[in-house]
Amino acid sequence: MSERIIEAGSGGLFAYLGRVWQYRRLALTFARRDLKTQYAQTLLGLLWSVIQPLTGLLVFTLFFDLLIGLRPEQLDHAPYPLFAFSGMISWYYFTFLIAHAGTSVTNSQDLIRKVYFPKLLLPCSKVLVGAVEFGISLVLLIGMMLILGHPFSLNILFLPLAMLLNVVVGLSLGIWLAALTVRFRDFHHIIPYLVNFGIWLTPVFYPGTLFPEKYHFLLYLNPMAGVIALFRWSLLGAPLPSPWFGLSIGAAFLLLLLGILFFRKVEKTIADLV
């Protein structure tokens, strides 16, 4: 009876992604495990997913809305809490994916040494974990829209597209980080620092219109600027993102593809390095 040996790098990219799909239920298992661990032994549990974004919203509303006083036309005629919160939940999902996908491999050392499975499932499972908090925040945002009387439009049909692009941008960096930190642990400290600084270069709490139009190409070098603009367009009826948005999202898809190829190459040696 012949034996079949499965190696991480055997076959082409589509064969590899096929194996990832075959093991897709493991991603759900990993996500359930992470959610139980995340909220275990906490008194408030999932309520932390409500308290944390609302606390951040309060701080930035006091600073940007009350102290600086942005004009309604600068906020696309949306109340500032809606404008800011729509950017916050998109940005927080992005940073969650980078932080948790980036550490998913090194945090699963024992599992990797004992069981074979496509290791790409580890960072991908974080999409499901982060989606829980994102979904809670999205429900809060819709509730705020109803309370403040902000109208909905047919643009909301494109909300899944904005969410998908949010995942693509976050996972494109998270997968690279997961592969790089197997050998270079310093990335655990460098990347989160850069991401935390990046919120000030992204129109999360302030409108992108504060940038002169001739410099929009610089703003949209950051693909999250376009994702947040698309999110606000689909929910709040804000203007469509600049045409530069298409280039930045295209670059994010390319980065994701290259990240998967690099991860697949590194996967052969992951068990020996973690």
Protein backbone atom coordinates (compact mmCIF):
# COMPACT_ATOMS: atom_id res chain seq x y z
CA MET A 1 0.00 0.00 0.00
CA SER A 2 1.57 3.30 -1.14
CA GLU A 3 1.86 6.28 1.15
CA ARG A 4 1.02 9.81 0.10
CA ILE A 5 3.27 12.48 1.51
CA ILE A 6 1.80 15.97 1.69
CA GLU A 7 4.26 18.83 1.72
CA ALA A 8 3.48 22.49 2.22
CA GLY A 9 5.11 23.47 -1.05
CA SER A 10 3.87 20.61 -3.26
CA GLY A 11 1.89 21.63 -6.32
CA GLY A 12 1.22 25.11 -7.56
CA LEU A 13 -0.53 28.03 -5.93
CA PHE A 14 -4.02 26.84 -6.86
CA ALA A 15 -3.27 23.39 -5.46
CA TYR A 16 -2.08 25.01 -2.24
CA LEU A 17 -5.19 27.18 -1.98
CA GLY A 18 -7.24 24.06 -2.67
CA ARG A 19 -5.69 22.38 0.37
CA VAL A 20 -6.42 25.46 2.45
CA TRP A 21 -10.06 25.23 1.34
CA GLN A 22 -10.22 21.53 2.22
CA TYR A 23 -9.17 22.36 5.78
CA ARG A 24 -11.45 25.41 6.04
CA ARG A 25 -13.39 24.02 9.01
CA LEU A 26 -10.21 24.25 11.04
CA ALA A 27 -10.36 28.02 10.63
CA LEU A 28 -13.74 28.00 12.36
CA THR A 29 -12.30 25.85 15.14
CA PHE A 30 -9.38 28.24 15.60
CA ALA A 31 -11.74 31.22 15.63
CA ARG A 32 -14.02 29.67 18.27
CA ARG A 33 -10.99 28.86 20.41
CA ASP A 34 -9.69 32.42 20.16
CA LEU A 35 -13.06 33.94 21.03
CA LYS A 36 -13.43 31.75 24.11
CA THR A 37 -9.88 32.63 25.22
CA GLN A 38 -10.33 36.32 24.54
CA TYR A 39 -13.38 36.75 26.73
CA ALA A 40 -12.73 34.02 29.31
CA GLN A 41 -12.69 35.16 32.95
CA THR A 42 -13.84 38.69 32.08
CA LEU A 43 -16.84 40.09 33.93
CA LEU A 44 -18.19 42.05 30.97
CA GLY A 45 -17.32 39.61 28.17
CA LEU A 46 -18.52 40.84 24.77
CA LEU A 47 -19.56 44.15 26.34
CA TRP A 48 -15.90 45.16 26.04
CA SER A 49 -16.51 45.17 22.29
CA VAL A 50 -19.08 47.91 22.90
CA ILE A 51 -17.29 49.89 25.63
CA GLN A 52 -13.93 50.24 23.90
CA PRO A 53 -15.06 51.81 20.59
CA LEU A 54 -17.60 54.05 22.31
CA THR A 55 -14.92 55.33 24.70
CA GLY A 56 -12.66 56.14 21.76
CA LEU A 57 -15.54 57.85 19.99
CA LEU A 58 -16.22 60.03 23.03
CA VAL A 59 -12.59 61.17 23.23
CA PHE A 60 -12.29 62.08 19.57
CA THR A 61 -15.71 63.72 19.44
CA LEU A 62 -14.65 66.02 22.28
CA PHE A 63 -11.39 66.86 20.53
CA PHE A 64 -12.30 67.14 16.84
CA ASP A 65 -15.96 68.14 16.99
CA LEU A 66 -16.19 70.34 20.08
CA LEU A 67 -12.70 71.84 20.21
CA ILE A 68 -11.76 72.09 16.52
CA GLY A 69 -15.32 72.41 15.19
CA LEU A 70 -15.30 70.83 11.73
CA ARG A 71 -17.94 72.28 9.40
CA PRO A 72 -20.89 70.05 8.30
CA GLU A 73 -19.86 70.22 4.62
CA GLN A 74 -16.42 68.90 5.58
CA LEU A 75 -18.12 65.87 7.12
CA ASP A 76 -20.33 65.22 4.08
CA HIS A 77 -23.26 66.59 6.16
CA ALA A 78 -23.13 63.63 8.54
CA PRO A 79 -23.12 64.15 12.33
CA TYR A 80 -19.55 63.91 13.58
CA PRO A 81 -20.17 60.82 15.78
CA LEU A 82 -21.35 58.89 12.70
CA PHE A 83 -18.50 60.21 10.57
CA ALA A 84 -15.85 59.30 13.15
CA PHE A 85 -17.33 55.95 14.21
CA SER A 86 -17.60 54.73 10.61
CA GLY A 87 -13.88 55.35 10.20
CA MET A 88 -13.00 53.89 13.60
CA ILE A 89 -14.61 50.49 13.16
CA SER A 90 -13.00 50.05 9.75
CA TRP A 91 -9.58 51.06 11.07
CA TYR A 92 -9.86 48.90 14.20
CA TYR A 93 -10.69 45.84 12.08
CA PHE A 94 -7.65 46.59 9.93
CA THR A 95 -5.32 46.88 12.93
CA PHE A 96 -6.84 43.77 14.54
CA LEU A 97 -5.99 41.73 11.45
CA ILE A 98 -2.43 42.98 11.33
CA ALA A 99 -1.76 42.41 15.03
CA HIS A 100 -3.47 39.04 15.42
CA ALA A 101 -2.78 37.54 12.00
CA GLY A 102 0.82 38.67 12.33
CA THR A 103 1.32 36.73 15.57
CA SER A 104 -0.88 33.76 14.68
CA VAL A 105 1.97 31.47 13.65
CA THR A 106 4.40 32.15 16.50
CA ASN A 107 1.54 31.86 19.02
CA SER A 108 0.62 28.37 17.77
CA GLN A 109 3.99 26.66 18.12
CA ASP A 110 2.76 23.53 19.91
CA LEU A 111 -0.06 22.95 17.45
CA ILE A 112 2.21 23.40 14.42
CA ARG A 113 4.68 20.81 15.68
CA LYS A 114 2.00 18.18 16.35
CA VAL A 115 -0.50 18.38 13.48
CA TYR A 116 -0.27 18.93 9.74
CA PHE A 117 -2.56 21.54 8.22
CA PRO A 118 -2.00 24.48 5.85
CA LYS A 119 -0.55 27.11 8.16
CA LEU A 120 -2.22 29.88 6.15
CA LEU A 121 -5.39 28.95 8.05
CA LEU A 122 -3.91 30.53 11.19
CA PRO A 123 -3.83 34.17 9.94
CA CYS A 124 -7.01 33.64 7.90
CA SER A 125 -8.92 32.50 10.99
CA LYS A 126 -8.34 35.95 12.53
CA VAL A 127 -10.70 37.37 9.89
CA LEU A 128 -13.54 35.51 11.61
CA VAL A 129 -12.45 36.53 15.11
CA GLY A 130 -12.21 40.20 14.19
CA ALA A 131 -15.51 40.03 12.32
CA VAL A 132 -17.34 39.46 15.61
CA GLU A 133 -16.22 42.79 17.09
CA PHE A 134 -16.62 44.48 13.72
CA GLY A 135 -20.20 43.20 13.49
CA ILE A 136 -21.03 44.45 16.99
CA SER A 137 -19.62 47.88 16.15
CA LEU A 138 -21.53 47.93 12.86
CA VAL A 139 -24.80 47.26 14.70
CA LEU A 140 -23.94 50.14 17.04
CA LEU A 141 -23.30 52.42 14.07
CA ILE A 142 -26.62 51.54 12.43
CA GLY A 143 -28.37 52.13 15.77
CA MET A 144 -26.71 55.55 16.01
CA MET A 145 -27.89 56.36 12.48
CA LEU A 146 -31.47 55.52 13.46
CA ILE A 147 -31.27 57.57 16.67
CA LEU A 148 -29.74 60.60 14.92
CA GLY A 149 -32.12 60.29 11.97
CA HIS A 150 -29.43 59.94 9.31
CA PRO A 151 -30.95 58.50 6.11
CA PHE A 152 -29.94 55.23 4.49
CA SER A 153 -29.54 54.86 0.74
CA LEU A 154 -29.16 52.08 -1.82
CA ASN A 155 -25.41 52.55 -1.47
CA ILE A 156 -25.66 50.22 1.53
CA LEU A 157 -25.80 47.33 -0.96
CA PHE A 158 -22.08 47.93 -1.51
CA LEU A 159 -21.27 47.57 2.18
CA PRO A 160 -20.10 43.92 1.75
CA LEU A 161 -17.63 45.15 -0.87
CA ALA A 162 -16.22 47.71 1.57
CA MET A 163 -15.92 44.99 4.22
CA LEU A 164 -14.18 42.64 1.77
CA LEU A 165 -11.64 45.31 0.84
CA ASN A 166 -11.12 46.00 4.54
CA VAL A 167 -10.18 42.33 4.98
CA VAL A 168 -7.93 42.32 1.89
CA VAL A 169 -5.91 45.31 3.07
CA GLY A 170 -5.56 44.02 6.64
CA LEU A 171 -4.79 40.44 5.66
CA SER A 172 -2.30 41.50 2.97
CA LEU A 173 -0.10 42.95 5.71
CA GLY A 174 -1.01 40.35 8.34
CA ILE A 175 0.11 37.41 6.20
CA TRP A 176 3.43 39.08 5.40
CA LEU A 177 3.97 39.78 9.08
CA ALA A 178 3.07 36.20 10.04
CA ALA A 179 5.68 34.86 7.63
CA LEU A 180 8.40 37.38 8.50
CA THR A 181 8.10 37.05 12.27
CA VAL A 182 8.85 33.32 12.07
CA ARG A 183 12.51 34.29 11.53
CA PHE A 184 12.62 37.98 12.48
CA ARG A 185 10.80 38.50 15.78
CA ASP A 186 11.58 42.24 15.82
CA PHE A 187 8.70 42.75 13.40
CA HIS A 188 6.34 42.04 16.31
CA HIS A 189 7.39 45.39 17.77
CA ILE A 190 8.05 47.46 14.64
CA ILE A 191 4.85 46.90 12.66
CA PRO A 192 2.29 47.62 15.45
CA TYR A 193 4.17 50.85 16.22
CA LEU A 194 3.98 51.96 12.59
CA VAL A 195 0.30 50.99 12.37
CA ASN A 196 -0.59 52.94 15.52
CA PHE A 197 1.17 55.96 14.07
CA GLY A 198 -0.60 55.44 10.75
CA ILE A 199 -4.02 56.34 12.16
CA TRP A 200 -2.96 59.99 12.12
CA LEU A 201 -2.12 59.73 8.41
CA THR A 202 -5.50 58.16 7.63
CA PRO A 203 -8.81 60.10 7.48
CA VAL A 204 -10.38 58.22 10.38
CA PHE A 205 -11.24 61.15 12.66
CA TYR A 206 -10.89 63.92 10.10
CA PRO A 207 -12.13 64.22 6.49
CA GLY A 208 -9.84 63.57 3.55
CA THR A 209 -11.01 66.88 2.05
CA LEU A 210 -8.63 68.61 4.46
CA PHE A 211 -5.92 67.49 2.03
CA PRO A 212 -5.64 69.68 -1.12
CA GLU A 213 -6.91 67.78 -4.15
CA LYS A 214 -3.53 67.91 -5.86
CA TYR A 215 -2.10 65.84 -2.97
CA HIS A 216 -4.82 63.18 -2.97
CA PHE A 217 -2.48 60.74 -4.68
CA LEU A 218 -0.34 60.87 -1.53
CA LEU A 219 -3.36 60.29 0.70
CA TYR A 220 -4.45 57.25 -1.31
CA LEU A 221 -1.04 55.66 -1.20
CA ASN A 222 -2.57 54.43 2.04
CA PRO A 223 -5.24 51.94 0.85
CA MET A 224 -7.17 52.30 4.13
CA ALA A 225 -7.98 55.88 3.15
CA GLY A 226 -9.97 54.52 0.22
CA VAL A 227 -11.55 51.69 2.21
CA ILE A 228 -12.83 54.13 4.84
CA ALA A 229 -14.11 56.50 2.14
CA LEU A 230 -15.96 53.60 0.47
CA PHE A 231 -17.38 52.54 3.83
CA ARG A 232 -18.72 56.07 4.43
CA TRP A 233 -20.11 56.23 0.90
CA SER A 234 -22.02 52.96 1.33
CA LEU A 235 -23.45 53.79 4.77
CA LEU A 236 -23.52 57.57 5.14
CA GLY A 237 -23.98 58.64 1.53
CA ALA A 238 -20.60 60.41 1.39
CA PRO A 239 -18.95 61.11 -2.02
CA LEU A 240 -17.16 58.28 -3.80
CA PRO A 241 -13.43 57.92 -3.13
CA SER A 242 -10.92 59.58 -5.42
CA PRO A 243 -9.94 57.65 -8.60
CA TRP A 244 -6.57 57.12 -6.91
CA PHE A 245 -8.43 54.68 -4.66
CA GLY A 246 -8.45 52.06 -7.43
CA LEU A 247 -4.66 52.04 -7.67
CA SER A 248 -4.18 51.66 -3.92
CA ILE A 249 -6.65 48.76 -3.72
CA GLY A 250 -5.01 47.11 -6.72
CA ALA A 251 -1.70 47.34 -4.90
CA ALA A 252 -3.30 45.76 -1.81
CA PHE A 253 -4.54 42.77 -3.84
CA LEU A 254 -1.06 42.37 -5.34
CA LEU A 255 0.50 42.57 -1.88
CA LEU A 256 -1.93 39.88 -0.67
CA LEU A 257 -1.05 37.58 -3.57
CA LEU A 258 2.69 38.04 -3.04
CA GLY A 259 2.18 37.54 0.70
CA ILE A 260 0.47 34.18 0.12
CA LEU A 261 3.29 33.10 -2.22
CA PHE A 262 5.91 34.13 0.33
CA PHE A 263 4.03 32.46 3.19
CA ARG A 264 3.78 29.24 1.17
CA LYS A 265 7.53 29.31 0.65
CA VAL A 266 8.26 29.93 4.33
CA GLU A 267 5.74 27.31 5.46
CA LYS A 268 8.16 24.50 4.62
CA THR A 269 10.44 25.57 7.47
CA ILE A 270 7.91 26.97 9.97
CA ALA A 271 7.87 23.86 12.18
CA ASP A 272 11.67 24.05 12.55
CA LEU A 273 11.78 27.77 13.35
CA VAL A 274 8.88 28.49 15.71
